[in-house]
Amino acid sequence: MKSFLSVAAIFCTVIIANSQEKLPYYEIHEAPEKFTAGTVVSRMIDGLGFRFYWASEGLMEDDLNFKPSEEARTSIETIQHIFGLTNMIHNCVTQERHENGNPKDMTFEELRKSILVRLKESSDILRNSDDISQFKIVMGSGDRKTELPFWNQINGPIADALWHTGQVVSFRRSSGNPYNSNASVFSGKVR
């Protein structure tokens, strides 16, 4: 009977593992052969996606609520900010305005999935683009609309999301749940 229960438990575990949706950026795909503006920025976003995947993988409630000081954001508030930055990146490259939702109404799992999926979609669009100057950041609406060139995307939301992803890693270390050291940010692979 014990062996039957063991086999049943293993079978159920395999079914559950196979039914879970795989999120992008467990690893980074092979680099493009050609260097273009689109492939370079795409790879920057892939690096962000990989870092965010592993920064957020396995976070527990204590990690999400951790903040290093009273004035600081918690990890979940930092991830909510990364969600907003990711939406700016995604809206720019899809050239559409999206209803981004309120990150405070989303679960951590929903935020994480949305961030990773939108980064992957953005990367794919940029990788296949011959002219990234066509992608403008559009802020505001109606008469109060401002357009900014793609340059602002690089030093703005992309760099800021990288910065804040590093904070999530630091916060999780401080809360006692370190980053998976087998995830190599240099190679984009898991050792």
Foldseek 3Di string as FASTA:
>chain_A
DVVVVVVVVVVVVVVVVVPDDDFPQCFADDQDPDDAPLSVVLVLLSLLLNLLCQLLPPDDPLQQQFDPDPVGDGLLVLLQVLLVLLQQLLCQLVVHDDPSDRSVPDDPVVSNRSSRVSSNVSSVSSSPDRDQQSRWRWDDDDPPIDTDTCVCNVVPSSVVSSVSSVVSQVSCVVSPHHGPPQQDSVRRHGD
